[in-house]
Protein backbone atom coordinates (compact mmCIF):
# COMPACT_ATOMS: atom_id res chain seq x y z
CA MET A 1 -9.68 0.23 2.46
CA TYR A 2 -11.03 -2.77 4.29
CA LEU A 3 -8.89 -4.77 7.19
CA ILE A 4 -9.93 -8.40 7.34
CA THR A 5 -8.01 -10.97 9.34
CA LYS A 6 -8.41 -14.65 8.70
CA TRP A 7 -6.97 -17.58 10.59
CA PHE A 8 -4.18 -17.63 8.10
CA GLY A 9 -3.27 -14.05 7.78
CA THR A 10 -4.63 -10.48 7.58
CA PHE A 11 -5.56 -8.64 4.18
CA LEU A 12 -5.98 -5.17 2.94
CA CYS A 13 -8.48 -4.71 0.59
CA ASP A 14 -10.74 -2.58 -1.47
CA GLU A 15 -13.97 -2.84 -3.43
CA LYS A 16 -11.83 -4.83 -6.06
CA GLY A 17 -10.57 -7.47 -3.76
CA VAL A 18 -7.49 -7.94 -1.93
CA LYS A 19 -4.54 -5.45 -2.37
CA LYS A 20 -2.10 -6.43 0.27
CA GLU A 21 -1.67 -9.28 2.54
CA ILE A 22 0.51 -10.67 5.46
CA LEU A 23 0.22 -14.29 5.83
CA PHE A 24 0.81 -16.03 9.18
CA PRO A 25 3.65 -18.58 9.55
CA GLN A 26 2.35 -22.09 8.53
CA ASP A 27 3.39 -23.26 11.97
CA GLU A 28 0.62 -24.79 14.28
CA GLN A 29 1.98 -22.94 17.51
CA GLU A 30 2.39 -19.68 15.58
CA ILE A 31 -1.16 -19.70 14.30
CA GLU A 32 -2.48 -21.01 17.64
CA GLN A 33 -0.87 -18.05 19.57
CA ARG A 34 -2.32 -15.60 16.90
CA LEU A 35 -5.98 -16.98 17.56
CA GLN A 36 -5.41 -16.71 21.19
CA ALA A 37 -4.66 -13.30 21.00
CA ILE A 38 -7.68 -12.44 18.85
CA GLN A 39 -9.69 -14.23 21.31
CA ASP A 40 -8.43 -11.97 24.01
CA GLN A 41 -9.16 -9.13 22.11
CA LYS A 42 -5.90 -8.02 21.19
CA ILE A 43 -4.65 -6.19 17.87
CA LEU A 44 -1.90 -8.46 16.13
CA SER A 45 1.23 -6.82 15.13
CA GLU A 46 0.68 -7.91 11.47
CA GLU A 47 -2.89 -5.70 11.51
CA LYS A 48 -0.97 -2.88 12.91
CA LYS A 49 1.88 -3.19 10.24
CA ILE A 50 -0.60 -3.62 7.11
CA SER A 51 -2.88 -0.75 8.13
CA LYS A 52 -0.28 1.90 8.81
CA ASN A 53 -0.79 4.83 7.06
CA HIS A 54 -4.32 3.84 5.89
CA LYS A 55 -7.85 4.55 6.81
CA VAL A 56 -9.55 1.37 7.29
CA ILE A 57 -13.01 0.03 7.49
CA VAL A 58 -13.10 -3.00 10.12
CA SER A 59 -15.77 -5.61 11.07
CA GLU A 60 -14.32 -6.39 14.50
CA LYS A 61 -14.83 -4.42 17.38
CA ARG A 62 -11.39 -5.24 18.74
CA LEU A 63 -9.98 -3.29 15.69
CA GLU A 64 -11.91 0.01 16.54
CA PRO A 65 -8.71 1.44 17.71
CA ILE A 66 -7.11 1.32 14.22
CA GLY A 67 -9.89 1.49 11.89
CA THR A 68 -13.72 2.71 11.69
CA TYR A 69 -15.78 0.12 12.91
CA ASP A 70 -18.72 -0.76 10.54
CA PRO A 71 -19.87 -4.28 10.58
CA SER A 72 -22.87 -3.58 8.34
CA ASP A 73 -20.75 -2.72 5.79
CA PRO A 74 -21.95 -5.01 2.72
CA PHE A 75 -18.41 -5.56 1.49
CA PHE A 76 -17.69 -7.74 4.52
CA GLN A 77 -20.54 -9.96 3.33
CA THR A 78 -19.41 -10.35 -0.21
CA ILE A 79 -15.56 -10.52 -0.15
CA VAL A 80 -14.11 -14.26 -0.18
CA ILE A 81 -10.48 -15.09 0.96
CA THR A 82 -9.85 -18.69 0.95
CA PRO A 83 -6.67 -20.20 2.69
CA GLN A 84 -6.40 -22.74 -0.22
CA THR A 85 -5.33 -19.56 -2.38
CA TYR A 86 -2.59 -18.73 0.03
CA GLY A 87 -1.14 -22.30 0.42
CA PHE A 88 -2.99 -23.18 3.81
CA THR A 89 -4.83 -26.32 4.01
CA GLN A 90 -8.14 -27.03 6.10
CA GLN A 91 -6.34 -30.04 7.88
CA LEU A 92 -3.95 -27.34 9.27
CA PHE A 93 -6.83 -25.23 10.71
CA GLN A 94 -8.57 -28.41 12.17
CA ARG A 95 -5.19 -29.39 14.06
CA VAL A 96 -4.82 -25.86 15.19
CA THR A 97 -8.30 -25.45 16.46
CA ARG A 98 -8.40 -29.06 18.04
CA LYS A 99 -5.21 -28.24 19.90
CA ALA A 100 -7.03 -24.67 21.16
CA SER A 101 -10.04 -26.82 22.16
CA GLN A 102 -8.02 -28.97 24.30
CA LYS A 103 -5.59 -26.45 25.90
CA LYS A 104 -8.97 -24.34 26.81
CA VAL A 105 -10.70 -27.57 28.22
CA GLU A 106 -7.34 -28.12 30.49
CA GLU A 107 -7.52 -24.83 31.74
CA GLN A 108 -11.19 -24.84 32.83
CA LEU A 109 -10.49 -28.07 34.36
CA GLN A 110 -7.36 -26.52 36.13
CA SER A 111 -9.47 -23.62 37.24
CA GLU A 112 -8.93 -22.73 40.97
CA ASP A 113 -12.68 -22.14 41.91
CA LEU A 114 -13.31 -25.65 40.06
CA GLN A 115 -10.73 -27.16 42.48
CA ILE A 116 -12.80 -25.41 45.38
CA ILE A 117 -15.95 -27.31 44.08
CA GLN A 118 -14.33 -30.54 44.19
CA MET A 119 -12.92 -30.05 47.77
CA VAL A 120 -16.50 -28.68 49.02
CA ASN A 121 -17.58 -32.15 47.48
CA ALA A 122 -15.03 -34.19 48.65
CA LEU A 123 -15.54 -32.23 52.29
CA ASP A 124 -19.30 -33.12 52.44
CA ASP A 125 -18.50 -36.85 51.45
CA LEU A 126 -16.21 -37.04 54.36
CA ILE A 127 -18.56 -35.22 56.80
CA GLN A 128 -21.59 -38.17 55.82
CA THR A 129 -18.79 -40.75 56.22
CA ALA A 130 -17.81 -39.49 59.72
CA ASN A 131 -21.47 -39.02 60.64
CA LEU A 132 -22.03 -42.89 59.49
CA LEU A 133 -19.01 -44.07 61.34
CA SER A 134 -19.76 -42.26 64.68
CA GLU A 135 -23.54 -43.62 64.58
CA ARG A 136 -22.16 -46.95 63.77
CA ILE A 137 -19.47 -46.91 67.02
CA SER A 138 -21.89 -45.39 69.12
CA ALA A 139 -24.56 -48.28 68.53
CA TRP A 140 -21.95 -50.88 68.79
CA SER A 141 -20.79 -49.64 72.11
CA LEU A 142 -24.11 -50.16 73.91
CA ILE A 143 -23.27 -53.76 73.88
CA PRO A 144 -20.51 -55.42 75.58
CA THR A 145 -17.74 -55.84 72.86
CA PRO A 146 -13.87 -56.39 72.98
CA GLU A 147 -12.10 -53.09 72.15
CA GLU A 148 -10.35 -54.67 69.59
CA LYS A 149 -13.48 -55.29 67.36
CA ILE A 150 -14.18 -51.63 67.64
CA ARG A 151 -10.69 -50.09 67.51
CA PRO A 152 -10.35 -50.09 63.62
CA PHE A 153 -13.60 -48.32 63.12
CA LYS A 154 -12.46 -45.77 65.63
CA GLU A 155 -9.22 -45.19 63.78
CA THR A 156 -10.91 -44.83 60.42
CA LEU A 157 -13.11 -42.12 61.94
CA HIS A 158 -10.14 -40.59 63.41
CA ALA A 159 -8.38 -40.28 60.08
CA VAL A 160 -11.63 -39.14 58.39
CA GLN A 161 -11.63 -36.60 60.79
CA LYS A 162 -8.10 -35.36 60.42
CA GLU A 163 -8.74 -35.42 56.46
CA MET A 164 -11.78 -33.38 56.85
CA LYS A 165 -9.50 -30.72 58.93
CA ARG A 166 -6.77 -30.84 56.28
CA LEU A 167 -9.42 -30.22 53.49
CA GLU A 168 -10.93 -27.27 55.46
CA GLN A 169 -7.55 -25.64 56.02
CA GLN A 170 -6.57 -25.92 52.08
CA ILE A 171 -10.08 -24.66 51.15
CA GLU A 172 -9.36 -21.47 53.55
CA LYS A 173 -6.03 -21.33 52.09
CA ASP A 174 -7.12 -21.13 48.58
CA MET A 175 -10.27 -19.28 49.29
CA THR A 176 -7.85 -16.28 50.41
CA THR A 177 -6.09 -16.44 47.34
CA ILE A 178 -8.68 -16.63 44.62
CA ALA A 179 -11.65 -14.79 46.55
CA PRO A 180 -10.26 -12.62 49.18
CA ASN A 181 -13.07 -10.12 49.45
CA THR A 182 -15.72 -12.91 49.41
CA THR A 183 -13.71 -14.69 52.07
CA LYS A 184 -13.33 -11.65 54.06
CA ILE A 185 -17.31 -11.04 54.17
CA ILE A 186 -18.71 -14.26 54.19
CA GLY A 187 -16.16 -16.56 55.51
CA PRO A 188 -13.80 -19.22 53.49
CA LEU A 189 -15.96 -22.31 54.15
CA ILE A 190 -19.41 -20.75 53.59
CA GLY A 191 -17.84 -18.80 50.37
CA ALA A 192 -16.74 -22.03 49.18
CA ARG A 193 -20.07 -23.64 49.65
CA LEU A 194 -21.75 -20.58 47.70
CA ILE A 195 -19.27 -21.19 44.86
CA ALA A 196 -19.91 -24.52 44.72
CA LEU A 197 -23.70 -24.30 44.77
CA SER A 198 -23.51 -21.55 42.02
CA GLY A 199 -21.18 -23.77 39.74
CA GLY A 200 -18.26 -21.44 39.80
CA MET A 201 -17.20 -17.95 41.03
CA HIS A 202 -18.13 -16.31 37.62
CA ARG A 203 -21.52 -17.80 37.70
CA MET A 204 -22.26 -16.56 41.18
CA ALA A 205 -21.04 -13.16 40.22
CA LEU A 206 -23.72 -13.17 37.63
CA LEU A 207 -26.64 -14.43 40.13
CA PRO A 208 -29.02 -11.98 41.48
CA THR A 209 -28.77 -11.14 45.38
CA SER A 210 -32.12 -12.82 46.13
CA THR A 211 -30.66 -16.02 44.63
CA ILE A 212 -27.36 -15.81 46.37
CA GLN A 213 -29.48 -15.61 49.73
CA ILE A 214 -31.21 -18.66 49.59
CA LEU A 215 -28.52 -20.77 47.73
CA GLY A 216 -28.42 -24.30 49.70
CA ALA A 217 -32.21 -23.72 50.40
CA GLU A 218 -33.58 -25.33 47.12
CA LYS A 219 -35.65 -28.02 48.74
CA ALA A 220 -37.31 -25.69 51.00
CA LEU A 221 -37.82 -23.08 48.22
CA PHE A 222 -39.31 -26.28 46.12
CA ARG A 223 -41.75 -27.13 48.90
CA PHE A 224 -43.02 -23.44 49.16
CA LYS A 225 -43.47 -23.45 45.48
CA LYS A 226 -45.47 -26.54 45.68
CA GLU A 227 -47.41 -26.48 48.88
CA GLY A 228 -47.22 -22.79 49.81
CA GLY A 229 -46.51 -21.14 53.32
CA LYS A 230 -43.69 -19.09 53.89
CA PRO A 231 -40.66 -18.83 51.64
CA PRO A 232 -37.11 -19.61 52.74
CA LYS A 233 -35.34 -16.68 54.19
CA HIS A 234 -31.90 -17.77 53.79
CA GLY A 235 -29.98 -20.84 52.60
CA VAL A 236 -26.21 -21.86 53.61
CA ILE A 237 -25.59 -18.14 54.54
CA PHE A 238 -27.71 -18.99 57.75
CA GLN A 239 -24.34 -20.71 58.80
CA HIS A 240 -22.71 -17.27 59.65
CA PRO A 241 -22.57 -16.24 63.05
CA LEU A 242 -24.24 -12.92 62.25
CA ILE A 243 -27.55 -14.65 61.27
CA ASN A 244 -27.55 -18.01 63.34
CA LYS A 245 -27.05 -16.00 66.52
CA ALA A 246 -29.60 -13.36 65.73
CA GLY A 247 -33.08 -13.08 66.64
CA LYS A 248 -35.85 -14.41 64.64
CA THR A 249 -37.22 -11.15 63.53
CA GLU A 250 -33.68 -10.08 62.52
CA ARG A 251 -32.75 -13.02 60.27
CA GLY A 252 -34.30 -12.09 57.33
CA ARG A 253 -33.21 -8.53 57.23
CA LEU A 254 -29.38 -9.38 57.84
CA ALA A 255 -29.46 -12.25 55.49
CA ARG A 256 -30.58 -9.85 52.73
CA MET A 257 -28.01 -7.62 53.69
CA LEU A 258 -25.11 -10.15 53.97
CA ALA A 259 -26.06 -11.79 50.42
CA ILE A 260 -25.91 -7.97 49.12
CA LYS A 261 -22.32 -7.71 50.67
CA THR A 262 -21.37 -11.21 49.68
CA SER A 263 -22.40 -10.28 45.88
CA MET A 264 -20.51 -7.29 45.70
CA ALA A 265 -17.44 -8.92 47.04
CA ILE A 266 -17.82 -11.78 44.29
CA LYS A 267 -18.00 -9.40 41.64
CA ALA A 268 -14.95 -7.50 42.81
CA ASP A 269 -13.20 -11.06 43.07
CA VAL A 270 -14.17 -11.96 39.39
CA PHE A 271 -14.22 -8.64 37.48
CA THR A 272 -12.25 -5.76 39.17
CA LYS A 273 -9.84 -7.95 41.46
CA ARG A 274 -9.59 -4.88 43.95
CA ASP A 275 -9.73 -5.03 47.45
CA ILE A 276 -13.19 -3.52 48.63
CA THR A 277 -13.26 -5.34 52.11
CA GLU A 278 -12.53 -1.76 54.19
CA TYR A 279 -15.90 -0.20 52.46
CA LEU A 280 -18.04 -3.55 52.77
CA GLU A 281 -17.21 -3.85 56.27
CA LYS A 282 -17.99 -0.12 57.01
CA THR A 283 -21.45 -0.39 55.18
CA MET A 284 -22.10 -3.75 56.96
CA ASP A 285 -21.56 -2.43 60.37
CA GLU A 286 -23.72 0.78 59.66
CA ARG A 287 -26.63 -1.47 58.11
CA ILE A 288 -26.39 -4.01 61.08
CA GLN A 289 -26.77 -1.04 63.66
CA GLU A 290 -29.93 0.03 61.59
CA ILE A 291 -31.65 -3.34 61.82
CA ARG A 292 -30.85 -3.94 65.45
CA LYS A 293 -32.28 -0.40 66.24
CA THR A 294 -35.56 -1.33 64.47
C-alpha cells in the first residue's frame, strides 16, 4: 500500500488506485494549519489514522516513522489524484497558499534578528548625524556668534546622542535574549554588527570562520584583491578590547581565535539553543595564554 498526502487530503492507494481517503475540511484555516504542519515536518493525525494496521510506502522523508521511505518507486510518478474529484477547487488552494505566503512574510519581517539589523543601521545613521552636527557646532563656535543661534543645534545634538544611548541599550537587551552565546563571547554591539553585516543570524551561522573574521573589512579586502599587498586580518571584531589593545604581532591570531569562538557561539544560538558560554570562555582563556606565550 502507498500513503500519499495532497493539500486537500491523505490517501491510501495500491497499484490500481485510491482505496481509502481522509479529506481535510474545506476551510481555509484548517487547510493552512495542515500545510504548515507538513512544512514543519510533522505527521498529521489523518496520516496516522489512515495508515494504522497497514504497511505503507511513502515518498516523503517526514513520513518515514510510519512507512517505508522509497521516493524512487515508479508508482508515485504515475498515480494521479486531483482535487476536483473530491470537490476541492483550485481557487481554494490559491487562497490558502496566498494567506500562508503572507503570513510567512510577516513572520520574517517580525523576526528579531531583522529588528537587530534595522536598529544597527539606525544607530549608524544617528552616529553619522551626530558627527556632522558636532563638526558644524565646532566650526561655528570659532567665530563670535550669539549663543541663541547655536543653541538649537546643540539641543538637536543632545537629542541625537540621547537616542543613540537608548538604541544601544535596546540592542544590548535584545541581543542578550536572541543571541546569548554570541553576546557573551563578542559583546552585544559587535555581535549585532556582525549579524547586520551577515544579513541575519542564520546566514551568519553558515558563514566560514574566515569570513566572520573580516566582516566589515570589505573595502580593504577589495583593495587587496585589486592592488595586492597584505590582506585584512580583521573587520569589526577589531573593536573588541582583546584585539585592539593587543600588540600588532598578536592581533591576527587573536582575531582568528575570536572569530572561531564567535562562529561556534552563533551556531549554538541558531541551531541548538544550548548555553555553551562556559566552554567557550574556558577554551578562549587557554588559547589567549598560548598566543601570548609564543
